[in-house]
Amino acid sequence: MKAIIQRVTKASVTVGDELISSIGKGLCVLVGISRKDSPAETEYMVRKILNLRIFDDDDGKRWSKSVMDKQYEVLCVSQFTLNMILKGNKPDFHDAMGPEVSEQFYENFLQQMREAYTPEKIKDGKFGAMMQVHIQNDGPVTIPLETPSHLQDKKQNTRRNGNKNANNNSGSSSECTASNIEGASA
């Protein structure tokens, strides 16, 4: 699972001329769901997004408060293009979870965000629609986040142990940069 987390002064999503969602200060989170993702990735991502310290405190100390600490809003937008690879000069989206499965996965992600925070502070776009995302980035601060490879490896090991005919190829994702982010914000 991948996310691009942007600290914003405001953000909104429209489809055509219809305003779908908007927020003031907070985070705009673009969420990419891989076909390899499981509930463990969702739990990790929710925890990291909501606790990521990218806001200043009231005294101006940088990198010390989370979106929850500040009671700001979060606008989530599903974006399958985050799970692309290049084949020559053309993007290939085969690593993205298919829309028939990813919509429920994304709804689960939103539900966990709402349960972990304040439901009315979690907004989202319109799944599967061609959206216009309007972002006023603050800083600019843009944080790429990926679930760590050990979560992917754990899922692969569970599959192998539970199914003797399972493919022995172990998929992995890139190393998580969250620990680097946290270390820089300490």
C-alpha atoms as a PDB file:
ATOM      1  CA  MET A   1       0.000   0.000   0.000  1.00  0.00           C
ATOM      2  CA  LYS A   2       1.292   3.434  -0.904  1.00  0.00           C
ATOM      3  CA  ALA A   3       0.278   6.924   0.118  1.00  0.00           C
ATOM      4  CA  ILE A   4       1.334  10.412  -0.829  1.00  0.00           C
ATOM      5  CA  ILE A   5       0.624  12.592   2.194  1.00  0.00           C
ATOM      6  CA  GLN A   6       0.453  16.330   1.634  1.00  0.00           C
ATOM      7  CA  ARG A   7       0.140  18.974   4.316  1.00  0.00           C
ATOM      8  CA  VAL A   8      -2.454  21.431   3.009  1.00  0.00           C
ATOM      9  CA  THR A   9      -4.076  24.726   3.911  1.00  0.00           C
ATOM     10  CA  LYS A  10      -7.093  23.540   1.911  1.00  0.00           C
ATOM     11  CA  ALA A  11      -8.027  20.804  -0.547  1.00  0.00           C
ATOM     12  CA  SER A  12     -11.088  19.710  -2.481  1.00  0.00           C
ATOM     13  CA  VAL A  13     -12.314  17.110  -4.947  1.00  0.00           C
ATOM     14  CA  THR A  14     -14.715  17.811  -7.783  1.00  0.00           C
ATOM     15  CA  VAL A  15     -16.194  15.572 -10.456  1.00  0.00           C
ATOM     16  CA  GLY A  16     -17.231  17.700 -13.399  1.00  0.00           C
ATOM     17  CA  ASP A  17     -18.887  20.732 -11.816  1.00  0.00           C
ATOM     18  CA  GLU A  18     -19.930  18.886  -8.643  1.00  0.00           C
ATOM     19  CA  LEU A  19     -18.009  19.484  -5.409  1.00  0.00           C
ATOM     20  CA  ILE A  20     -17.571  16.067  -3.761  1.00  0.00           C
ATOM     21  CA  SER A  21     -15.529  16.974  -0.652  1.00  0.00           C
ATOM     22  CA  SER A  22     -13.434  19.780   0.739  1.00  0.00           C
ATOM     23  CA  ILE A  23     -11.283  20.432   3.791  1.00  0.00           C
ATOM     24  CA  GLY A  24      -9.455  23.327   5.397  1.00  0.00           C
ATOM     25  CA  LYS A  25      -6.102  22.798   7.119  1.00  0.00           C
ATOM     26  CA  GLY A  26      -5.010  19.198   7.299  1.00  0.00           C
ATOM     27  CA  LEU A  27      -3.808  16.391   5.061  1.00  0.00           C
ATOM     28  CA  CYS A  28      -4.616  15.369   1.524  1.00  0.00           C
ATOM     29  CA  VAL A  29      -3.758  11.685   1.178  1.00  0.00           C
ATOM     30  CA  LEU A  30      -3.527   9.937  -2.186  1.00  0.00           C
ATOM     31  CA  VAL A  31      -3.934   6.199  -1.545  1.00  0.00           C
ATOM     32  CA  GLY A  32      -2.700   3.432  -3.850  1.00  0.00           C
ATOM     33  CA  ILE A  33      -3.788  -0.138  -3.161  1.00  0.00           C
ATOM     34  CA  SER A  34      -1.645  -2.976  -4.484  1.00  0.00           C
ATOM     35  CA  ARG A  35      -2.987  -6.397  -5.439  1.00  0.00           C
ATOM     36  CA  LYS A  36      -0.642  -7.769  -2.734  1.00  0.00           C
ATOM     37  CA  ASP A  37      -2.144  -5.678   0.082  1.00  0.00           C
ATOM     38  CA  SER A  38      -3.861  -7.143   3.143  1.00  0.00           C
ATOM     39  CA  PRO A  39      -5.541  -5.768   6.299  1.00  0.00           C
ATOM     40  CA  ALA A  40      -2.109  -5.539   7.973  1.00  0.00           C
ATOM     41  CA  GLU A  41      -1.084  -2.866   5.456  1.00  0.00           C
ATOM     42  CA  THR A  42      -4.281  -0.927   6.124  1.00  0.00           C
ATOM     43  CA  GLU A  43      -3.731  -0.905   9.886  1.00  0.00           C
ATOM     44  CA  TYR A  44      -0.138   0.255   9.441  1.00  0.00           C
ATOM     45  CA  MET A  45      -1.070   3.009   6.990  1.00  0.00           C
ATOM     46  CA  VAL A  46      -3.925   4.364   9.142  1.00  0.00           C
ATOM     47  CA  ARG A  47      -1.667   4.516  12.199  1.00  0.00           C
ATOM     48  CA  LYS A  48       1.152   6.264  10.326  1.00  0.00           C
ATOM     49  CA  ILE A  49      -1.036   8.804   8.512  1.00  0.00           C
ATOM     50  CA  LEU A  50      -2.886   9.884  11.638  1.00  0.00           C
ATOM     51  CA  ASN A  51       0.231  10.041  13.842  1.00  0.00           C
ATOM     52  CA  LEU A  52       2.739  11.493  11.380  1.00  0.00           C
ATOM     53  CA  ARG A  53       4.170  14.632  13.000  1.00  0.00           C
ATOM     54  CA  ILE A  54       4.313  17.160  10.188  1.00  0.00           C
ATOM     55  CA  PHE A  55       2.657  20.166  11.839  1.00  0.00           C
ATOM     56  CA  ASP A  56       4.151  22.858  14.055  1.00  0.00           C
ATOM     57  CA  ASP A  57       3.074  23.163  17.683  1.00  0.00           C
ATOM     58  CA  ASP A  58       1.580  26.376  19.096  1.00  0.00           C
ATOM     59  CA  ASP A  59       5.074  27.678  19.928  1.00  0.00           C
ATOM     60  CA  GLY A  60       6.268  27.174  16.346  1.00  0.00           C
ATOM     61  CA  LYS A  61       8.307  24.032  17.023  1.00  0.00           C
ATOM     62  CA  ARG A  62       8.438  22.205  13.708  1.00  0.00           C
ATOM     63  CA  TRP A  63       7.570  18.573  13.049  1.00  0.00           C
ATOM     64  CA  SER A  64       5.976  18.095  16.465  1.00  0.00           C
ATOM     65  CA  LYS A  65       2.211  17.623  15.994  1.00  0.00           C
ATOM     66  CA  SER A  66       0.031  15.178  14.078  1.00  0.00           C
ATOM     67  CA  VAL A  67      -3.216  15.869  12.258  1.00  0.00           C
ATOM     68  CA  MET A  68      -5.035  14.409  15.280  1.00  0.00           C
ATOM     69  CA  ASP A  69      -3.089  16.595  17.723  1.00  0.00           C
ATOM     70  CA  LYS A  70      -4.148  19.668  15.745  1.00  0.00           C
ATOM     71  CA  GLN A  71      -7.718  18.384  15.178  1.00  0.00           C
ATOM     72  CA  TYR A  72      -7.386  19.037  11.434  1.00  0.00           C
ATOM     73  CA  GLU A  73      -9.183  17.253   8.605  1.00  0.00           C
ATOM     74  CA  VAL A  74      -8.021  14.536   6.203  1.00  0.00           C
ATOM     75  CA  LEU A  75      -9.082  14.268   2.562  1.00  0.00           C
ATOM     76  CA  CYS A  76      -8.407  10.782   1.159  1.00  0.00           C
ATOM     77  CA  VAL A  77      -8.365  10.114  -2.578  1.00  0.00           C
ATOM     78  CA  SER A  78      -8.023   6.642  -4.076  1.00  0.00           C
ATOM     79  CA  GLN A  79      -5.324   6.684  -6.761  1.00  0.00           C
ATOM     80  CA  PHE A  80      -4.461   3.406  -8.467  1.00  0.00           C
ATOM     81  CA  THR A  81      -1.705   5.094 -10.497  1.00  0.00           C
ATOM     82  CA  LEU A  82       0.568   5.042  -7.427  1.00  0.00           C
ATOM     83  CA  ASN A  83       1.082   1.322  -8.086  1.00  0.00           C
ATOM     84  CA  MET A  84       2.531   1.676 -11.541  1.00  0.00           C
ATOM     85  CA  ILE A  85       5.763   0.513 -13.066  1.00  0.00           C
ATOM     86  CA  LEU A  86       7.278   1.789 -16.283  1.00  0.00           C
ATOM     87  CA  LYS A  87       7.457  -0.428 -19.332  1.00  0.00           C
ATOM     88  CA  GLY A  88       9.645   1.707 -21.533  1.00  0.00           C
ATOM     89  CA  ASN A  89       7.922   5.075 -21.432  1.00  0.00           C
ATOM     90  CA  LYS A  90       4.434   3.720 -20.756  1.00  0.00           C
ATOM     91  CA  PRO A  91       2.972   3.254 -17.263  1.00  0.00           C
ATOM     92  CA  ASP A  92       1.780  -0.267 -16.411  1.00  0.00           C
ATOM     93  CA  PHE A  93      -0.816  -0.633 -13.647  1.00  0.00           C
ATOM     94  CA  HIS A  94      -0.848  -4.429 -13.223  1.00  0.00           C
ATOM     95  CA  ASP A  95       0.394  -4.104  -9.617  1.00  0.00           C
ATOM     96  CA  ALA A  96      -2.719  -2.118  -8.665  1.00  0.00           C
ATOM     97  CA  MET A  97      -5.569  -4.045  -7.063  1.00  0.00           C
ATOM     98  CA  GLY A  98      -8.487  -4.449  -9.483  1.00  0.00           C
ATOM     99  CA  PRO A  99     -11.440  -2.070  -9.017  1.00  0.00           C
ATOM    100  CA  GLU A 100     -13.902  -4.821  -8.075  1.00  0.00           C
ATOM    101  CA  VAL A 101     -11.821  -5.690  -4.982  1.00  0.00           C
ATOM    102  CA  SER A 102     -10.065  -2.404  -4.263  1.00  0.00           C
ATOM    103  CA  GLU A 103     -13.278  -0.429  -3.734  1.00  0.00           C
ATOM    104  CA  GLN A 104     -14.167  -2.528  -0.672  1.00  0.00           C
ATOM    105  CA  PHE A 105     -10.529  -2.435   0.473  1.00  0.00           C
ATOM    106  CA  TYR A 106     -10.548   1.372   0.181  1.00  0.00           C
ATOM    107  CA  GLU A 107     -13.884   1.616   2.052  1.00  0.00           C
ATOM    108  CA  ASN A 108     -12.307  -0.504   4.810  1.00  0.00           C
ATOM    109  CA  PHE A 109      -9.353   1.902   4.920  1.00  0.00           C
ATOM    110  CA  LEU A 110     -11.730   4.886   5.272  1.00  0.00           C
ATOM    111  CA  GLN A 111     -13.703   3.106   7.994  1.00  0.00           C
ATOM    112  CA  GLN A 112     -10.523   2.421   9.964  1.00  0.00           C
ATOM    113  CA  MET A 113      -9.475   6.074   9.550  1.00  0.00           C
ATOM    114  CA  ARG A 114     -12.863   7.198  10.907  1.00  0.00           C
ATOM    115  CA  GLU A 115     -12.733   4.748  13.818  1.00  0.00           C
ATOM    116  CA  ALA A 116      -9.197   5.816  14.768  1.00  0.00           C
ATOM    117  CA  TYR A 117      -9.960   9.544  14.564  1.00  0.00           C
ATOM    118  CA  THR A 118     -13.130  11.646  14.342  1.00  0.00           C
ATOM    119  CA  PRO A 119     -15.477  10.355  11.606  1.00  0.00           C
ATOM    120  CA  GLU A 120     -16.562  13.783  10.336  1.00  0.00           C
ATOM    121  CA  LYS A 121     -12.920  14.862   9.913  1.00  0.00           C
ATOM    122  CA  ILE A 122     -12.231  12.097   7.365  1.00  0.00           C
ATOM    123  CA  LYS A 123     -13.424  13.046   3.870  1.00  0.00           C
ATOM    124  CA  ASP A 124     -12.935  11.290   0.570  1.00  0.00           C
ATOM    125  CA  GLY A 125     -13.306  11.678  -3.158  1.00  0.00           C
ATOM    126  CA  LYS A 126     -15.461   9.532  -5.427  1.00  0.00           C
ATOM    127  CA  PHE A 127     -14.004   6.073  -5.967  1.00  0.00           C
ATOM    128  CA  GLY A 128     -13.391   5.189  -9.607  1.00  0.00           C
ATOM    129  CA  ALA A 129     -14.359   8.618 -10.949  1.00  0.00           C
ATOM    130  CA  MET A 130     -12.219  10.977 -12.992  1.00  0.00           C
ATOM    131  CA  MET A 131     -11.705  13.621 -10.318  1.00  0.00           C
ATOM    132  CA  GLN A 132     -10.138  17.032 -10.157  1.00  0.00           C
ATOM    133  CA  VAL A 133      -8.145  17.277  -6.932  1.00  0.00           C
ATOM    134  CA  HIS A 134      -7.409  20.852  -5.874  1.00  0.00           C
ATOM    135  CA  ILE A 135      -4.580  21.032  -3.358  1.00  0.00           C
ATOM    136  CA  GLN A 136      -3.036  24.066  -1.728  1.00  0.00           C
ATOM    137  CA  ASN A 137       0.116  22.448  -0.378  1.00  0.00           C
ATOM    138  CA  ASP A 138       1.486  24.011   2.810  1.00  0.00           C
ATOM    139  CA  GLY A 139       5.266  24.243   2.857  1.00  0.00           C
ATOM    140  CA  PRO A 140       5.290  22.446   0.477  1.00  0.00           C
ATOM    141  CA  VAL A 141       5.339  19.296   2.596  1.00  0.00           C
ATOM    142  CA  THR A 142       4.823  16.048   0.676  1.00  0.00           C
ATOM    143  CA  ILE A 143       5.602  12.697   2.303  1.00  0.00           C
ATOM    144  CA  PRO A 144       5.631   9.420   0.323  1.00  0.00           C
ATOM    145  CA  LEU A 145       4.785   6.427   2.503  1.00  0.00           C
ATOM    146  CA  GLU A 146       4.812   2.697   1.781  1.00  0.00           C
ATOM    147  CA  THR A 147       3.979  -0.232   3.955  1.00  0.00           C
ATOM    148  CA  PRO A 148       7.155  -2.061   4.995  1.00  0.00           C
ATOM    149  CA  SER A 149       8.231  -5.180   3.168  1.00  0.00           C
ATOM    150  CA  HIS A 150       7.929  -7.360   6.286  1.00  0.00           C
ATOM    151  CA  LEU A 151       4.138  -6.948   6.145  1.00  0.00           C
ATOM    152  CA  GLN A 152       4.170  -8.190   2.547  1.00  0.00           C
ATOM    153  CA  ASP A 153       6.549 -11.028   3.467  1.00  0.00           C
ATOM    154  CA  LYS A 154       4.315 -12.054   6.383  1.00  0.00           C
ATOM    155  CA  LYS A 155       1.325 -12.266   4.049  1.00  0.00           C
ATOM    156  CA  GLN A 156       3.308 -14.330   1.548  1.00  0.00           C
ATOM    157  CA  ASN A 157       4.507 -16.707   4.298  1.00  0.00           C
ATOM    158  CA  THR A 158       0.950 -17.142   5.578  1.00  0.00           C
ATOM    159  CA  ARG A 159      -0.210 -18.050   2.086  1.00  0.00           C
ATOM    160  CA  ARG A 160       2.620 -20.538   1.610  1.00  0.00           C
ATOM    161  CA  ASN A 161       2.077 -22.226   4.954  1.00  0.00           C
ATOM    162  CA  GLY A 162      -1.686 -22.371   4.521  1.00  0.00           C
ATOM    163  CA  ASN A 163      -1.646 -23.678   0.956  1.00  0.00           C
ATOM    164  CA  LYS A 164       0.906 -26.303  -0.098  1.00  0.00           C
ATOM    165  CA  ASN A 165       0.270 -25.478  -3.750  1.00  0.00           C
ATOM    166  CA  ALA A 166       0.953 -21.755  -3.241  1.00  0.00           C
ATOM    167  CA  ASN A 167       3.520 -20.083  -5.395  1.00  0.00           C
ATOM    168  CA  ASN A 168       6.872 -19.911  -3.601  1.00  0.00           C
ATOM    169  CA  ASN A 169       7.807 -16.566  -5.145  1.00  0.00           C
ATOM    170  CA  SER A 170       7.908 -14.029  -2.367  1.00  0.00           C
ATOM    171  CA  GLY A 171       6.643 -10.579  -3.342  1.00  0.00           C
ATOM    172  CA  SER A 172       8.042  -7.587  -1.573  1.00  0.00           C
ATOM    173  CA  SER A 173       7.579  -3.862  -1.682  1.00  0.00           C
ATOM    174  CA  SER A 174      10.105  -1.103  -1.226  1.00  0.00           C
ATOM    175  CA  GLU A 175      11.480  -0.380   2.207  1.00  0.00           C
ATOM    176  CA  CYS A 176       9.311   1.904   4.282  1.00  0.00           C
ATOM    177  CA  THR A 177      10.512   5.453   4.648  1.00  0.00           C
ATOM    178  CA  ALA A 178       8.353   6.092   7.721  1.00  0.00           C
ATOM    179  CA  SER A 179      11.225   5.386  10.128  1.00  0.00           C
ATOM    180  CA  ASN A 180      13.336   7.936   8.268  1.00  0.00           C
ATOM    181  CA  ILE A 181      10.503  10.441   8.531  1.00  0.00           C
ATOM    182  CA  GLU A 182      10.050   9.833  12.243  1.00  0.00           C
ATOM    183  CA  GLY A 183      13.790  10.070  12.861  1.00  0.00           C
ATOM    184  CA  ALA A 184      13.935  13.394  11.036  1.00  0.00           C
ATOM    185  CA  SER A 185      11.008  14.758  13.023  1.00  0.00           C
ATOM    186  CA  ALA A 186      12.396  13.830  16.449  1.00  0.00           C
END
